[in-house]
N, C-alpha and C. Protein backbone atom coordinates (compact mmCIF):
# COMPACT_ATOMS: atom_id res chain seq x y z
N MET A 1 -21.99 -0.38 -51.69
CA MET A 1 -21.76 1.18 -52.04
C MET A 1 -20.68 1.54 -50.97
N ARG A 2 -20.81 1.21 -49.74
CA ARG A 2 -19.71 1.67 -48.72
C ARG A 2 -18.34 1.05 -49.22
N SER A 3 -18.34 -0.15 -49.52
CA SER A 3 -16.94 -0.66 -49.77
C SER A 3 -16.31 0.03 -51.03
N ALA A 4 -17.26 0.28 -52.01
CA ALA A 4 -16.54 1.21 -53.19
C ALA A 4 -16.09 2.39 -52.84
N THR A 5 -16.97 3.16 -51.88
CA THR A 5 -16.43 4.46 -51.60
C THR A 5 -15.31 4.36 -50.51
N ASP A 6 -15.33 3.43 -49.81
CA ASP A 6 -13.94 3.34 -48.95
C ASP A 6 -12.75 3.11 -49.55
N THR A 7 -12.83 2.34 -50.62
CA THR A 7 -11.72 1.80 -51.43
C THR A 7 -11.47 2.89 -52.39
N ASP A 8 -12.40 3.72 -52.98
CA ASP A 8 -12.10 4.54 -54.04
C ASP A 8 -12.23 5.98 -53.61
N ALA A 9 -12.05 6.44 -52.27
CA ALA A 9 -12.51 7.81 -51.76
C ALA A 9 -11.59 8.75 -52.38
N VAL A 10 -10.28 8.36 -52.42
CA VAL A 10 -9.32 9.32 -53.10
C VAL A 10 -8.90 9.02 -54.48
N ALA A 11 -9.15 9.89 -55.42
CA ALA A 11 -8.94 9.46 -56.68
C ALA A 11 -7.48 9.48 -56.85
N PRO A 12 -6.94 8.29 -57.56
CA PRO A 12 -5.41 8.13 -57.69
C PRO A 12 -4.89 9.22 -58.76
N SER A 13 -3.50 9.37 -58.98
CA SER A 13 -3.01 10.24 -59.81
C SER A 13 -2.90 9.27 -60.98
N LEU A 14 -3.64 9.34 -62.09
CA LEU A 14 -3.65 8.45 -63.20
C LEU A 14 -3.64 9.32 -64.39
N THR A 15 -3.09 8.58 -65.69
CA THR A 15 -3.12 9.13 -66.82
C THR A 15 -3.58 8.17 -67.85
N GLY A 16 -3.88 8.42 -69.04
CA GLY A 16 -4.13 7.62 -70.10
C GLY A 16 -4.95 6.48 -70.00
N LYS A 17 -4.72 5.26 -70.41
CA LYS A 17 -5.57 4.25 -70.18
C LYS A 17 -5.94 3.88 -68.83
N THR A 18 -5.05 3.93 -67.89
CA THR A 18 -5.32 3.78 -66.53
C THR A 18 -6.34 4.61 -65.91
N LEU A 19 -6.29 5.89 -66.41
CA LEU A 19 -7.24 6.83 -65.92
C LEU A 19 -8.63 6.59 -66.70
N ASP A 20 -8.65 6.24 -67.94
CA ASP A 20 -9.96 5.81 -68.59
C ASP A 20 -10.62 4.55 -67.77
N GLU A 21 -9.91 3.58 -67.40
CA GLU A 21 -10.31 2.26 -66.75
C GLU A 21 -11.00 2.81 -65.36
N TYR A 22 -10.28 3.73 -64.81
CA TYR A 22 -10.57 4.28 -63.47
C TYR A 22 -12.11 4.97 -63.51
N ALA A 23 -12.05 5.78 -64.45
CA ALA A 23 -13.27 6.62 -64.68
C ALA A 23 -14.64 5.74 -65.20
N ALA A 24 -14.16 4.53 -66.07
CA ALA A 24 -15.33 3.69 -66.38
C ALA A 24 -15.67 2.88 -65.23
N ARG A 25 -14.82 2.46 -64.26
CA ARG A 25 -15.16 1.85 -63.06
C ARG A 25 -16.09 2.67 -62.09
N ARG A 26 -15.68 3.94 -62.03
CA ARG A 26 -16.56 4.92 -61.26
C ARG A 26 -17.91 5.09 -61.82
N ARG A 27 -17.89 5.25 -63.14
CA ARG A 27 -19.24 5.38 -63.92
C ARG A 27 -20.07 4.17 -63.65
N LYS A 28 -19.60 2.91 -63.74
CA LYS A 28 -20.36 1.78 -63.46
C LYS A 28 -20.84 1.60 -61.99
N LEU A 29 -20.11 2.22 -61.14
CA LEU A 29 -20.54 2.03 -59.57
C LEU A 29 -21.50 3.13 -59.27
N PHE A 30 -21.43 4.26 -59.88
CA PHE A 30 -22.14 5.47 -59.35
C PHE A 30 -22.99 6.10 -60.48
N CYS A 31 -22.91 5.86 -61.64
CA CYS A 31 -23.58 6.90 -62.53
C CYS A 31 -24.16 5.89 -63.51
N LYS A 32 -25.22 6.50 -64.03
CA LYS A 32 -26.00 6.08 -65.16
C LYS A 32 -26.37 7.26 -65.90
N ARG A 33 -25.99 7.49 -67.14
CA ARG A 33 -26.24 8.71 -67.88
C ARG A 33 -27.80 8.75 -67.94
N ALA A 34 -28.39 9.89 -67.62
CA ALA A 34 -29.68 10.10 -67.45
C ALA A 34 -30.02 10.66 -69.15
N THR A 35 -31.34 10.26 -69.55
CA THR A 35 -31.63 10.78 -70.74
C THR A 35 -31.84 12.32 -70.77
N VAL A 36 -31.12 13.06 -71.65
CA VAL A 36 -31.09 14.54 -71.69
C VAL A 36 -31.84 15.11 -72.87
N VAL A 37 -32.64 16.21 -72.71
CA VAL A 37 -33.26 16.77 -73.76
C VAL A 37 -32.70 18.08 -74.05
N ALA A 38 -31.70 18.49 -73.27
CA ALA A 38 -31.07 19.71 -73.62
C ALA A 38 -29.98 19.62 -74.58
N THR A 39 -29.90 20.53 -75.52
CA THR A 39 -28.98 20.59 -76.69
C THR A 39 -28.02 21.63 -76.61
N MET A 40 -27.08 21.51 -77.51
CA MET A 40 -26.07 22.61 -77.75
C MET A 40 -26.69 23.97 -77.85
N GLU A 41 -27.78 24.10 -78.59
CA GLU A 41 -28.62 25.18 -78.76
C GLU A 41 -29.21 25.88 -77.61
N ASP A 42 -29.45 24.85 -76.61
CA ASP A 42 -29.86 25.27 -75.29
C ASP A 42 -28.94 25.86 -74.52
N VAL A 43 -27.57 25.28 -74.49
CA VAL A 43 -26.44 25.98 -74.04
C VAL A 43 -26.17 27.16 -74.29
N GLY A 44 -26.30 27.36 -75.88
CA GLY A 44 -26.05 28.64 -76.34
C GLY A 44 -27.00 29.83 -75.87
N ASP A 45 -28.32 29.21 -75.69
CA ASP A 45 -29.37 30.15 -75.29
C ASP A 45 -29.09 30.68 -73.80
N HIS A 46 -28.60 29.73 -73.05
CA HIS A 46 -28.10 29.83 -71.53
C HIS A 46 -26.99 31.03 -71.53
N ILE A 47 -26.00 30.70 -72.50
CA ILE A 47 -24.80 31.75 -72.49
C ILE A 47 -25.35 32.93 -72.84
N ASP A 48 -26.21 33.26 -73.93
CA ASP A 48 -26.97 34.47 -74.29
C ASP A 48 -27.50 35.13 -73.02
N HIS A 49 -28.14 34.43 -72.36
CA HIS A 49 -28.97 34.87 -71.18
C HIS A 49 -27.89 35.40 -70.18
N ALA A 50 -27.11 34.57 -69.85
CA ALA A 50 -26.00 34.97 -68.71
C ALA A 50 -25.29 36.28 -69.17
N VAL A 51 -24.93 36.38 -70.50
CA VAL A 51 -24.28 37.62 -70.87
C VAL A 51 -25.21 38.74 -70.75
N LYS A 52 -26.56 38.53 -71.19
CA LYS A 52 -27.55 39.69 -71.24
C LYS A 52 -27.68 40.36 -69.83
N VAL A 53 -27.66 39.17 -68.73
CA VAL A 53 -27.97 39.52 -67.34
C VAL A 53 -26.61 40.07 -66.58
N ALA A 54 -25.56 39.64 -66.95
CA ALA A 54 -24.39 39.84 -66.14
C ALA A 54 -23.36 40.71 -67.00
N GLY A 55 -23.48 40.49 -68.54
CA GLY A 55 -22.41 41.10 -69.13
C GLY A 55 -21.45 40.30 -69.45
N VAL A 56 -20.87 40.40 -70.62
CA VAL A 56 -19.79 39.47 -71.32
C VAL A 56 -18.56 39.46 -70.35
N ASP A 57 -18.23 40.55 -69.72
CA ASP A 57 -16.97 40.83 -68.80
C ASP A 57 -17.12 39.66 -67.68
N THR A 58 -18.35 39.19 -67.27
CA THR A 58 -18.33 38.38 -66.04
C THR A 58 -18.51 36.91 -66.37
N TRP A 59 -18.42 36.47 -67.58
CA TRP A 59 -18.89 35.16 -67.94
C TRP A 59 -17.55 34.49 -68.57
N ALA A 60 -17.37 33.27 -68.12
CA ALA A 60 -16.35 32.47 -68.70
C ALA A 60 -16.84 30.90 -68.80
N TRP A 61 -16.38 30.04 -69.54
CA TRP A 61 -16.86 28.77 -69.67
C TRP A 61 -15.80 27.66 -68.94
N GLY A 62 -16.61 26.80 -68.13
CA GLY A 62 -15.80 25.76 -67.44
C GLY A 62 -16.80 24.64 -67.25
N VAL A 63 -16.22 23.48 -67.25
CA VAL A 63 -16.95 22.34 -67.14
C VAL A 63 -16.46 21.45 -65.91
N ILE A 64 -17.42 20.84 -65.16
CA ILE A 64 -16.93 19.95 -64.05
C ILE A 64 -17.81 18.69 -64.42
N PHE A 65 -17.17 17.60 -64.73
CA PHE A 65 -17.94 16.48 -65.22
C PHE A 65 -18.10 15.53 -64.04
N ASP A 66 -17.44 15.70 -63.00
CA ASP A 66 -17.45 14.69 -61.93
C ASP A 66 -18.67 14.80 -60.94
N GLY A 67 -19.24 13.77 -60.74
CA GLY A 67 -20.42 13.72 -59.94
C GLY A 67 -21.82 14.21 -60.45
N ILE A 68 -21.87 14.30 -61.99
CA ILE A 68 -23.29 14.52 -62.48
C ILE A 68 -23.60 13.44 -63.32
N ALA A 69 -24.76 13.22 -63.37
CA ALA A 69 -25.48 12.18 -64.04
C ALA A 69 -25.63 12.37 -65.54
N ALA A 70 -25.87 13.42 -66.03
CA ALA A 70 -26.35 14.05 -67.32
C ALA A 70 -25.72 15.37 -67.73
N THR A 71 -25.25 15.55 -68.92
CA THR A 71 -24.76 16.76 -69.72
C THR A 71 -25.74 16.99 -70.77
N ALA A 72 -25.74 18.15 -71.34
CA ALA A 72 -26.43 18.42 -72.51
C ALA A 72 -25.89 17.58 -73.69
N ASN A 73 -26.74 17.18 -74.55
CA ASN A 73 -26.36 16.45 -75.70
C ASN A 73 -25.19 17.34 -76.49
N GLY A 74 -24.06 16.62 -76.77
CA GLY A 74 -22.92 17.44 -77.32
C GLY A 74 -21.86 17.83 -76.48
N LEU A 75 -22.14 17.74 -75.16
CA LEU A 75 -21.22 18.09 -74.02
C LEU A 75 -20.88 16.82 -73.14
N GLU A 76 -20.91 15.49 -73.63
CA GLU A 76 -20.88 14.42 -73.02
C GLU A 76 -19.65 14.23 -72.17
N ASP A 77 -18.54 14.89 -72.71
CA ASP A 77 -17.35 14.60 -71.98
C ASP A 77 -16.43 15.81 -72.32
N VAL A 78 -15.16 15.85 -71.73
CA VAL A 78 -14.47 16.98 -71.94
C VAL A 78 -13.79 17.23 -73.28
N SER A 79 -13.76 16.17 -74.06
CA SER A 79 -13.47 16.30 -75.46
C SER A 79 -14.35 17.37 -76.26
N LYS A 80 -15.57 17.65 -75.71
CA LYS A 80 -16.47 18.36 -76.40
C LYS A 80 -16.51 19.72 -75.88
N ASP A 81 -15.53 20.06 -74.97
CA ASP A 81 -15.62 21.22 -74.13
C ASP A 81 -15.51 22.62 -74.94
N ALA A 82 -15.07 22.42 -76.32
CA ALA A 82 -14.95 23.60 -77.11
C ALA A 82 -16.23 23.94 -77.76
N GLY A 83 -17.36 23.30 -77.77
CA GLY A 83 -18.51 23.51 -78.20
C GLY A 83 -19.25 24.74 -78.01
N PRO A 84 -19.26 25.21 -76.76
CA PRO A 84 -19.54 26.55 -76.51
C PRO A 84 -18.86 27.76 -77.06
N GLY A 85 -17.67 27.59 -77.33
CA GLY A 85 -16.80 28.72 -78.02
C GLY A 85 -17.35 28.72 -79.52
N ARG A 86 -17.68 27.53 -79.95
CA ARG A 86 -18.12 27.49 -81.43
C ARG A 86 -19.57 28.15 -81.65
N LEU A 87 -20.25 27.93 -80.60
CA LEU A 87 -21.68 28.51 -80.39
C LEU A 87 -21.33 30.15 -80.50
N LEU A 88 -20.49 30.48 -79.61
CA LEU A 88 -20.30 31.95 -79.54
C LEU A 88 -19.80 32.62 -80.96
N LEU A 89 -18.99 31.85 -81.79
CA LEU A 89 -18.56 32.23 -83.04
C LEU A 89 -19.66 32.32 -84.09
N LYS A 90 -20.46 31.41 -83.80
CA LYS A 90 -21.65 31.46 -84.81
C LYS A 90 -22.79 32.40 -84.23
N GLY A 91 -22.74 32.78 -83.07
CA GLY A 91 -23.84 33.61 -82.40
C GLY A 91 -23.79 34.99 -82.57
N GLY A 92 -22.79 35.60 -83.37
CA GLY A 92 -22.78 36.94 -83.71
C GLY A 92 -22.28 37.82 -82.43
N TYR A 93 -21.34 37.32 -81.74
CA TYR A 93 -20.66 37.98 -80.66
C TYR A 93 -19.65 38.84 -81.41
N ALA A 94 -19.38 39.98 -80.89
CA ALA A 94 -18.27 41.03 -81.57
C ALA A 94 -16.86 40.13 -81.13
N ASP A 95 -15.74 40.62 -81.91
CA ASP A 95 -14.51 40.03 -81.83
C ASP A 95 -14.00 40.30 -80.42
N GLY A 96 -14.26 41.53 -79.76
CA GLY A 96 -13.71 41.97 -78.49
C GLY A 96 -14.41 41.06 -77.61
N ASP A 97 -15.72 40.87 -77.44
CA ASP A 97 -16.45 39.96 -76.69
C ASP A 97 -15.92 38.51 -76.57
N LEU A 98 -15.70 38.03 -77.73
CA LEU A 98 -15.01 36.58 -77.91
C LEU A 98 -13.62 36.52 -77.22
N LYS A 99 -12.85 37.61 -77.52
CA LYS A 99 -11.49 37.83 -76.73
C LYS A 99 -11.64 37.75 -75.30
N THR A 100 -12.66 38.60 -74.83
CA THR A 100 -12.91 38.59 -73.39
C THR A 100 -13.28 37.25 -72.87
N PHE A 101 -14.25 36.76 -73.58
CA PHE A 101 -14.56 35.21 -73.20
C PHE A 101 -13.40 34.22 -73.18
N LEU A 102 -12.67 34.19 -74.15
CA LEU A 102 -11.52 33.31 -74.25
C LEU A 102 -10.61 33.47 -73.03
N GLU A 103 -10.19 34.89 -72.88
CA GLU A 103 -9.28 35.23 -72.02
C GLU A 103 -9.66 34.95 -70.44
N ARG A 104 -11.03 35.10 -70.16
CA ARG A 104 -11.50 34.60 -68.77
C ARG A 104 -11.39 33.27 -68.75
N THR A 105 -11.82 32.47 -69.72
CA THR A 105 -12.19 31.05 -69.71
C THR A 105 -10.65 30.42 -69.50
N LEU A 106 -9.64 30.86 -70.29
CA LEU A 106 -8.36 30.30 -70.38
C LEU A 106 -7.57 30.66 -68.86
N SER A 107 -7.99 31.72 -68.40
CA SER A 107 -7.25 32.13 -67.24
C SER A 107 -7.84 31.67 -65.92
N GLY A 108 -9.10 31.08 -66.11
CA GLY A 108 -9.74 30.57 -64.87
C GLY A 108 -9.35 29.29 -64.58
């Protein structure tokens, strides 16, 4: 573990296939995806709760996948990052609330 950490401590500036290979190597060394029982509907419920408690003006969507062993099913990687926006579209949020959400998310 120390050897892997010492040689891989600073992520290189990579793109494309080289980045994919780097990420695969890191996952093999440090992560095993845990079994997750959370669904996208659970994510939607979480969003609804956050909006209810703090208001739509305080909430935005962002995901950091580095260093976590599991995500909700349907959010396995950044390619699925639009999922919560789709939930809001189906969830009955007003157009103004969706606009606020998107502006906060994209500006963050």
